[in-house]
């Protein structure tokens, strides 16, 4: 069985905590950007475009992730309007981050007269790898796990993080690991296809 992490906080500087989750997200962004730049150079696309896209996608993605989270929990936030902008207290939805991030990339490509499909093909493997790295943050936060399990790779979830209906269960499916394995498989398939065949723009996306 997989143990639970000792704490979601790596270190605290005064009253400012540095969380493992934030380090995972930072590493995900840097690695995804690095892979995307390497892929862009193979297609003779300037690295500056990737830098610009990453910055825009982060900003718009953060906004989108917060908006989607607030909409999911609208009953809570509509009664506490002042808490909507407090993103530092947690509450982001990856679906909103992806949706707004893709929109930002599309708008950038239109302005710079770049092929959105080609840019998307370049970014896709790096985005998947970033997702794998970022999901490790769920482990440290004790979140995004599945239903109870007795399998050898079940992860121990502390009582305060368990759903009420499963409060008596100790081990759960580490679904964030399953997603990481699935994403790794998709990356392998993408790289295999690109090596074997010449595909049209947008195929990888």
Protein backbone atom coordinates (compact mmCIF):
# COMPACT_ATOMS: atom_id res chain seq x y z
CA UNK A 1 0.00 0.00 0.00
CA UNK A 2 1.16 3.55 -0.73
CA UNK A 3 1.73 5.77 2.32
CA UNK A 4 0.25 9.24 2.62
CA UNK A 5 2.64 12.22 2.55
CA UNK A 6 3.72 13.63 5.92
CA UNK A 7 2.59 17.15 5.00
CA UNK A 8 1.51 19.14 1.94
CA UNK A 9 3.94 21.90 2.98
CA UNK A 10 7.61 21.56 2.11
CA UNK A 11 8.80 24.48 4.23
CA UNK A 12 7.45 27.67 5.77
CA UNK A 13 9.25 30.99 5.59
CA UNK A 14 7.70 33.00 8.39
CA UNK A 15 3.95 32.79 7.78
CA UNK A 16 4.45 31.95 4.10
CA UNK A 17 4.18 28.21 3.33
CA UNK A 18 5.84 26.68 0.28
CA UNK A 19 3.70 23.74 -0.76
CA UNK A 20 4.72 20.64 -2.65
CA UNK A 21 1.75 21.20 -4.97
CA UNK A 22 3.04 24.60 -6.09
CA UNK A 23 6.48 23.10 -6.79
CA UNK A 24 4.84 20.38 -8.88
CA UNK A 25 2.95 22.98 -10.90
CA UNK A 26 6.11 25.06 -11.40
CA UNK A 27 8.08 22.01 -12.52
CA UNK A 28 5.24 21.04 -14.85
CA UNK A 29 5.26 24.46 -16.52
CA UNK A 30 9.04 24.51 -16.98
CA UNK A 31 9.24 20.98 -18.34
CA UNK A 32 6.26 21.46 -20.65
CA UNK A 33 7.76 24.69 -21.96
CA UNK A 34 11.16 23.06 -22.52
CA UNK A 35 9.67 20.18 -24.52
CA UNK A 36 7.52 22.56 -26.57
CA UNK A 37 10.48 24.77 -27.45
CA UNK A 38 12.45 21.73 -28.62
CA UNK A 39 9.53 20.65 -30.80
CA UNK A 40 9.02 24.17 -32.16
CA UNK A 41 12.66 24.39 -33.30
CA UNK A 42 12.19 21.21 -35.32
CA UNK A 43 9.44 23.02 -37.24
CA UNK A 44 11.45 26.26 -37.59
CA UNK A 45 9.13 28.17 -35.26
CA UNK A 46 10.77 30.79 -33.03
CA UNK A 47 11.10 29.93 -29.36
CA UNK A 48 9.77 33.40 -28.46
CA UNK A 49 6.33 32.32 -29.66
CA UNK A 50 6.36 29.44 -27.18
CA UNK A 51 7.48 31.71 -24.33
CA UNK A 52 4.67 34.15 -25.15
CA UNK A 53 2.10 31.39 -25.45
CA UNK A 54 3.10 29.83 -22.13
CA UNK A 55 2.79 33.16 -20.30
CA UNK A 56 -0.60 33.90 -21.87
CA UNK A 57 -1.85 30.37 -21.24
CA UNK A 58 -0.82 30.53 -17.58
CA UNK A 59 -2.61 33.82 -16.97
CA UNK A 60 -5.77 32.93 -18.89
CA UNK A 61 -5.69 29.36 -17.58
CA UNK A 62 -5.58 30.57 -13.99
CA UNK A 63 -8.56 32.81 -14.61
CA UNK A 64 -10.48 30.05 -16.37
CA UNK A 65 -9.66 27.48 -13.70
CA UNK A 66 -10.97 29.80 -11.00
CA UNK A 67 -14.13 30.67 -12.93
CA UNK A 68 -14.98 27.01 -13.49
CA UNK A 69 -14.34 26.17 -9.83
CA UNK A 70 -16.62 29.01 -8.70
CA UNK A 71 -19.33 27.81 -11.09
CA UNK A 72 -19.02 24.26 -9.74
CA UNK A 73 -19.41 25.56 -6.20
CA UNK A 74 -21.77 28.41 -7.07
CA UNK A 75 -24.00 27.97 -4.02
CA UNK A 76 -21.03 28.51 -1.72
CA UNK A 77 -19.49 31.44 -3.60
CA UNK A 78 -22.70 33.28 -4.47
CA UNK A 79 -23.29 33.51 -0.72
CA UNK A 80 -19.66 34.67 -0.24
CA UNK A 81 -18.91 36.96 -3.17
CA UNK A 82 -15.84 38.45 -1.50
CA UNK A 83 -14.14 35.02 -1.53
CA UNK A 84 -14.34 34.56 -5.31
CA UNK A 85 -10.99 36.27 -6.09
CA UNK A 86 -9.15 34.51 -3.22
CA UNK A 87 -7.44 31.98 -5.46
CA UNK A 88 -4.57 31.69 -2.99
CA UNK A 89 -6.93 29.85 -0.64
CA UNK A 90 -7.37 27.06 -3.17
CA UNK A 91 -10.03 26.12 -5.68
CA UNK A 92 -9.04 25.62 -9.33
CA UNK A 93 -10.66 23.41 -11.99
CA UNK A 94 -8.34 21.96 -14.65
CA UNK A 95 -11.19 21.96 -17.20
CA UNK A 96 -11.47 25.74 -17.01
CA UNK A 97 -7.71 26.12 -17.14
CA UNK A 98 -7.47 24.07 -20.31
CA UNK A 99 -10.45 25.78 -21.96
CA UNK A 100 -9.19 29.31 -21.34
CA UNK A 101 -5.60 28.28 -22.09
CA UNK A 102 -6.58 26.90 -25.48
CA UNK A 103 -8.58 30.06 -26.20
CA UNK A 104 -5.53 32.20 -25.41
CA UNK A 105 -3.35 30.12 -27.74
CA UNK A 106 -5.94 30.38 -30.53
CA UNK A 107 -6.19 34.17 -30.22
CA UNK A 108 -2.39 34.50 -30.15
CA UNK A 109 -2.05 32.40 -33.29
CA UNK A 110 -4.65 34.50 -35.09
CA UNK A 111 -2.86 37.72 -34.16
CA UNK A 112 0.59 36.40 -35.10
CA UNK A 113 -0.72 34.61 -38.20
CA UNK A 114 0.48 31.21 -37.01
CA UNK A 115 -1.21 27.90 -37.69
CA UNK A 116 -3.19 27.08 -34.56
CA UNK A 117 -3.26 23.39 -35.46
CA UNK A 118 0.51 23.26 -35.91
CA UNK A 119 1.12 25.09 -32.62
CA UNK A 120 -1.33 22.77 -30.88
CA UNK A 121 0.52 19.75 -32.27
CA UNK A 122 3.76 21.19 -30.89
CA UNK A 123 2.31 21.85 -27.45
CA UNK A 124 0.35 18.63 -26.94
CA UNK A 125 3.14 16.27 -25.72
CA UNK A 126 4.54 18.95 -23.41
CA UNK A 127 1.08 19.62 -22.02
CA UNK A 128 0.55 15.93 -21.33
CA UNK A 129 3.93 15.66 -19.61
CA UNK A 130 3.14 18.75 -17.56
CA UNK A 131 -0.15 17.14 -16.55
CA UNK A 132 1.71 14.06 -15.32
CA UNK A 133 4.05 16.14 -13.18
CA UNK A 134 1.29 18.40 -11.90
CA UNK A 135 -0.81 15.43 -10.80
CA UNK A 136 1.83 14.52 -8.22
CA UNK A 137 0.57 17.58 -6.37
CA UNK A 138 -2.68 15.69 -5.77
CA UNK A 139 -0.70 13.12 -3.82
CA UNK A 140 0.72 15.72 -1.47
CA UNK A 141 -2.68 17.41 -1.10
CA UNK A 142 -4.51 14.11 -0.46
CA UNK A 143 -7.05 14.86 -3.21
CA UNK A 144 -8.36 13.59 -6.54
CA UNK A 145 -8.26 9.98 -5.36
CA UNK A 146 -10.81 7.33 -6.27
CA UNK A 147 -13.05 4.91 -4.43
CA UNK A 148 -11.88 2.58 -1.64
CA UNK A 149 -9.68 -0.36 -2.64
CA UNK A 150 -7.81 -3.32 -1.19
CA UNK A 151 -5.34 -3.48 -4.08
CA UNK A 152 -1.61 -3.42 -3.18
CA UNK A 153 -1.15 0.06 -4.67
CA UNK A 154 -3.99 1.70 -2.79
CA UNK A 155 -3.03 4.98 -1.11
CA UNK A 156 -3.71 5.73 2.53
CA UNK A 157 -5.92 8.80 2.90
CA UNK A 158 -6.03 10.58 6.23
CA UNK A 159 -9.51 10.79 7.85
CA UNK A 160 -9.83 14.57 7.38
CA UNK A 161 -9.52 14.14 3.60
CA UNK A 162 -11.97 11.26 3.18
CA UNK A 163 -15.52 11.71 1.85
CA UNK A 164 -18.08 11.24 4.62
CA UNK A 165 -19.55 8.15 2.98
CA UNK A 166 -16.11 6.51 3.06
CA UNK A 167 -14.91 7.81 6.40
CA UNK A 168 -14.26 4.28 7.70
CA UNK A 169 -12.16 3.29 4.66
CA UNK A 170 -8.41 3.85 4.80
CA UNK A 171 -7.07 3.04 1.33
CA UNK A 172 -8.28 4.44 -2.00
CA UNK A 173 -7.46 4.19 -5.70
CA UNK A 174 -4.64 6.64 -6.61
CA UNK A 175 -6.49 7.87 -9.69
CA UNK A 176 -3.97 10.66 -10.26
CA UNK A 177 -1.37 7.94 -10.85
CA UNK A 178 -3.72 6.16 -13.26
CA UNK A 179 -4.12 9.40 -15.19
CA UNK A 180 -0.35 9.86 -15.26
CA UNK A 181 0.15 6.39 -16.72
CA UNK A 182 -2.58 7.03 -19.30
CA UNK A 183 -0.99 10.35 -20.31
CA UNK A 184 2.43 8.69 -20.59
CA UNK A 185 0.90 6.10 -22.91
CA UNK A 186 -0.58 8.84 -25.10
CA UNK A 187 2.82 10.59 -25.29
CA UNK A 188 4.43 7.32 -26.38
CA UNK A 189 1.77 6.84 -29.08
CA UNK A 190 2.23 10.41 -30.33
CA UNK A 191 6.01 10.09 -30.58
CA UNK A 192 5.68 6.71 -32.29
CA UNK A 193 3.25 8.11 -34.88
CA UNK A 194 5.45 11.14 -35.55
CA UNK A 195 8.49 8.91 -36.06
CA UNK A 196 6.73 6.47 -38.40
CA UNK A 197 4.50 8.72 -40.48
CA UNK A 198 4.16 12.28 -41.70
CA UNK A 199 0.78 13.47 -40.47
CA UNK A 200 -1.33 16.50 -41.30
CA UNK A 201 -1.47 19.55 -39.05
CA UNK A 202 -3.92 19.00 -36.22
CA UNK A 203 -3.64 15.20 -36.26
CA UNK A 204 -1.61 15.06 -33.05
CA UNK A 205 -4.06 17.43 -31.32
